[in-house]
């Protein structure tokens, strides 16, 4: 059976918060864990630079923070 593909992500304009978890991250985890989907999750840093052109270091820092948040949100083993 071929898995369906999903492409989704976030702009790293600031730290993720509880709203991100309940609004999108939780569902992404469920889709990934279902085994039916092949998810591609991106951090849209180039898009974030359009709003933060004069402060690229802020974007670099936020990319690291968002990546850490993504990694920390996985489901616990069953």
N, C-alpha and C. Protein backbone atom coordinates (compact mmCIF):
# COMPACT_ATOMS: atom_id res chain seq x y z
N UNK A 1 0.83 -1.17 0.00
CA UNK A 1 0.00 0.00 0.00
C UNK A 1 0.89 1.25 0.00
N UNK A 2 0.61 2.15 -0.91
CA UNK A 2 1.37 3.39 -0.99
C UNK A 2 0.81 4.40 0.01
N UNK A 3 1.71 5.01 0.76
CA UNK A 3 1.27 6.00 1.75
C UNK A 3 0.93 7.33 1.06
N UNK A 4 -0.01 8.04 1.65
CA UNK A 4 -0.33 9.39 1.19
C UNK A 4 0.74 10.33 1.74
N UNK A 5 1.05 11.38 0.98
CA UNK A 5 2.05 12.34 1.43
C UNK A 5 1.38 13.60 1.95
N UNK A 6 2.01 14.17 2.96
CA UNK A 6 1.53 15.42 3.55
C UNK A 6 2.72 16.37 3.61
N UNK A 7 2.51 17.61 3.18
CA UNK A 7 3.52 18.66 3.32
C UNK A 7 2.91 19.76 4.17
N UNK A 8 3.57 20.07 5.28
CA UNK A 8 3.09 21.11 6.19
C UNK A 8 4.29 21.70 6.91
N UNK A 9 4.07 22.79 7.61
CA UNK A 9 5.15 23.40 8.35
C UNK A 9 4.74 24.70 9.02
N UNK A 10 5.73 25.38 9.55
CA UNK A 10 5.51 26.64 10.25
C UNK A 10 6.57 27.64 9.86
N UNK A 11 6.22 28.91 9.98
CA UNK A 11 7.19 29.99 9.81
C UNK A 11 7.83 30.24 11.17
N UNK A 12 9.14 30.29 11.25
CA UNK A 12 9.81 30.49 12.53
C UNK A 12 9.89 31.96 12.93
N UNK A 13 8.75 32.57 13.19
CA UNK A 13 8.72 33.98 13.56
C UNK A 13 8.75 34.18 15.07
N UNK A 14 8.69 33.10 15.82
CA UNK A 14 8.74 33.16 17.27
C UNK A 14 8.64 31.76 17.82
N UNK A 15 8.69 31.66 19.14
CA UNK A 15 8.61 30.34 19.78
C UNK A 15 7.23 29.74 19.59
N UNK A 16 7.19 28.42 19.49
CA UNK A 16 5.90 27.73 19.44
C UNK A 16 5.29 27.78 20.84
N UNK A 17 3.97 27.66 20.90
CA UNK A 17 3.26 27.72 22.17
C UNK A 17 2.17 26.66 22.20
N UNK A 18 1.45 26.59 23.29
CA UNK A 18 0.44 25.55 23.49
C UNK A 18 -0.62 25.57 22.38
N UNK A 19 -0.89 26.74 21.85
CA UNK A 19 -1.84 26.83 20.73
C UNK A 19 -1.36 26.09 19.50
N UNK A 20 -0.05 26.14 19.24
CA UNK A 20 0.50 25.38 18.12
C UNK A 20 0.31 23.88 18.36
N UNK A 21 0.53 23.45 19.60
CA UNK A 21 0.39 22.03 19.89
C UNK A 21 -1.03 21.54 19.62
N UNK A 22 -2.01 22.21 20.21
CA UNK A 22 -3.39 21.77 20.03
C UNK A 22 -3.96 22.13 18.67
N UNK A 23 -3.41 23.16 18.03
CA UNK A 23 -3.91 23.59 16.73
C UNK A 23 -3.38 22.79 15.56
N UNK A 24 -2.15 22.28 15.65
CA UNK A 24 -1.61 21.55 14.51
C UNK A 24 -0.64 20.43 14.86
N UNK A 25 0.23 20.62 15.83
CA UNK A 25 1.26 19.61 16.10
C UNK A 25 0.67 18.28 16.54
N UNK A 26 -0.33 18.31 17.38
CA UNK A 26 -0.95 17.07 17.86
C UNK A 26 -1.51 16.26 16.69
N UNK A 27 -2.17 16.91 15.77
CA UNK A 27 -2.74 16.22 14.61
C UNK A 27 -1.63 15.67 13.70
N UNK A 28 -0.54 16.44 13.55
CA UNK A 28 0.59 15.95 12.74
C UNK A 28 1.16 14.68 13.34
N UNK A 29 1.27 14.64 14.65
CA UNK A 29 1.79 13.45 15.32
C UNK A 29 0.85 12.27 15.07
N UNK A 30 -0.45 12.48 15.20
CA UNK A 30 -1.42 11.41 14.98
C UNK A 30 -1.33 10.88 13.55
N UNK A 31 -1.21 11.77 12.57
CA UNK A 31 -1.10 11.33 11.17
C UNK A 31 0.17 10.55 10.94
N UNK A 32 1.27 11.01 11.53
CA UNK A 32 2.55 10.32 11.38
C UNK A 32 2.50 8.93 12.01
N UNK A 33 1.94 8.85 13.21
CA UNK A 33 1.90 7.59 13.95
C UNK A 33 0.90 6.60 13.35
N UNK A 34 -0.04 7.07 12.54
CA UNK A 34 -1.05 6.18 11.95
C UNK A 34 -0.45 5.19 10.96
N UNK A 35 0.69 5.54 10.37
CA UNK A 35 1.31 4.67 9.38
C UNK A 35 0.72 4.81 8.00
N UNK A 36 -0.31 5.63 7.84
CA UNK A 36 -0.96 5.81 6.54
C UNK A 36 -0.34 6.95 5.73
N UNK A 37 0.46 7.77 6.38
CA UNK A 37 0.97 8.98 5.74
C UNK A 37 2.49 9.05 5.80
N UNK A 38 3.04 9.69 4.81
CA UNK A 38 4.46 9.97 4.74
C UNK A 38 4.60 11.49 4.86
N UNK A 39 4.75 12.00 6.09
CA UNK A 39 4.74 13.45 6.29
C UNK A 39 6.08 14.12 5.98
N UNK A 40 6.00 15.27 5.38
CA UNK A 40 7.14 16.14 5.18
C UNK A 40 6.82 17.44 5.92
N UNK A 41 7.60 17.72 6.94
CA UNK A 41 7.33 18.89 7.78
C UNK A 41 8.51 19.84 7.63
N UNK A 42 8.20 21.09 7.29
CA UNK A 42 9.27 22.04 7.04
C UNK A 42 9.20 23.24 7.97
N UNK A 43 10.33 23.88 8.09
CA UNK A 43 10.42 25.15 8.80
C UNK A 43 10.72 26.19 7.72
N UNK A 44 9.76 27.05 7.45
CA UNK A 44 9.83 27.97 6.32
C UNK A 44 10.66 29.20 6.66
N UNK A 45 11.99 29.00 6.76
CA UNK A 45 12.85 30.10 7.18
C UNK A 45 13.00 31.18 6.11
N UNK A 46 13.01 30.82 4.85
CA UNK A 46 13.12 31.84 3.80
C UNK A 46 11.89 32.73 3.81
N UNK A 47 10.72 32.15 3.99
CA UNK A 47 9.50 32.95 4.07
C UNK A 47 9.53 33.88 5.28
N UNK A 48 10.07 33.42 6.40
CA UNK A 48 10.16 34.26 7.60
C UNK A 48 11.09 35.44 7.38
N UNK A 49 12.07 35.28 6.50
CA UNK A 49 12.99 36.39 6.23
C UNK A 49 12.30 37.57 5.56
N UNK A 50 11.17 37.33 4.89
CA UNK A 50 10.47 38.45 4.26
C UNK A 50 9.99 39.45 5.30
N UNK A 51 9.63 38.98 6.48
CA UNK A 51 9.19 39.86 7.56
C UNK A 51 10.34 40.31 8.46
N UNK A 52 11.46 39.61 8.41
CA UNK A 52 12.58 39.88 9.30
C UNK A 52 13.88 40.08 8.53
N UNK A 53 13.78 40.74 7.39
CA UNK A 53 14.93 40.92 6.51
C UNK A 53 16.10 41.58 7.23
N UNK A 54 15.83 42.53 8.09
CA UNK A 54 16.89 43.25 8.79
C UNK A 54 17.38 42.54 10.05
N UNK A 55 16.80 41.38 10.36
CA UNK A 55 17.19 40.67 11.57
C UNK A 55 17.27 39.15 11.30
N UNK A 56 18.18 38.73 10.42
CA UNK A 56 18.25 37.30 10.09
C UNK A 56 18.66 36.42 11.27
N UNK A 57 19.39 36.99 12.24
CA UNK A 57 19.78 36.19 13.41
C UNK A 57 18.55 35.74 14.19
N UNK A 58 17.52 36.57 14.25
CA UNK A 58 16.27 36.19 14.92
C UNK A 58 15.68 34.96 14.25
N UNK A 59 15.69 34.95 12.91
CA UNK A 59 15.15 33.81 12.17
C UNK A 59 15.99 32.56 12.45
N UNK A 60 17.33 32.69 12.42
CA UNK A 60 18.20 31.53 12.70
C UNK A 60 17.90 30.95 14.08
N UNK A 61 17.78 31.82 15.07
CA UNK A 61 17.50 31.36 16.43
C UNK A 61 16.14 30.67 16.49
N UNK A 62 15.14 31.26 15.85
CA UNK A 62 13.80 30.68 15.89
C UNK A 62 13.74 29.35 15.15
N UNK A 63 14.53 29.17 14.09
CA UNK A 63 14.57 27.89 13.39
C UNK A 63 15.04 26.80 14.35
N UNK A 64 16.10 27.08 15.10
CA UNK A 64 16.59 26.10 16.08
C UNK A 64 15.52 25.79 17.13
N UNK A 65 14.87 26.84 17.64
CA UNK A 65 13.84 26.66 18.66
C UNK A 65 12.66 25.83 18.14
N UNK A 66 12.21 26.12 16.93
CA UNK A 66 11.09 25.37 16.35
C UNK A 66 11.49 23.92 16.12
N UNK A 67 12.70 23.68 15.64
CA UNK A 67 13.17 22.30 15.43
C UNK A 67 13.20 21.53 16.74
N UNK A 68 13.68 22.17 17.80
CA UNK A 68 13.69 21.51 19.11
C UNK A 68 12.27 21.22 19.57
N UNK A 69 11.37 22.17 19.37
CA UNK A 69 9.97 21.96 19.75
C UNK A 69 9.35 20.81 18.97
N UNK A 70 9.62 20.75 17.66
CA UNK A 70 9.10 19.64 16.85
C UNK A 70 9.57 18.31 17.41
N UNK A 71 10.85 18.21 17.69
CA UNK A 71 11.42 16.95 18.17
C UNK A 71 10.87 16.55 19.54
N UNK A 72 10.52 17.53 20.34
CA UNK A 72 10.04 17.22 21.69
C UNK A 72 8.55 16.86 21.73
N UNK A 73 7.84 16.98 20.62
CA UNK A 73 6.39 16.76 20.61
C UNK A 73 5.97 15.35 20.22
N UNK A 74 6.88 14.47 19.99
CA UNK A 74 6.46 13.16 19.52
C UNK A 74 5.68 12.41 20.60
N UNK A 75 4.87 11.46 20.15
CA UNK A 75 4.09 10.65 21.09
C UNK A 75 5.01 9.77 21.91
N UNK A 76 4.56 9.44 23.09
CA UNK A 76 5.30 8.51 23.94
C UNK A 76 5.05 7.08 23.44
N UNK A 77 5.99 6.19 23.68
CA UNK A 77 5.80 4.79 23.24
C UNK A 77 4.54 4.20 23.88
N UNK A 78 3.88 3.33 23.11
CA UNK A 78 2.64 2.70 23.61
C UNK A 78 2.95 1.44 24.36
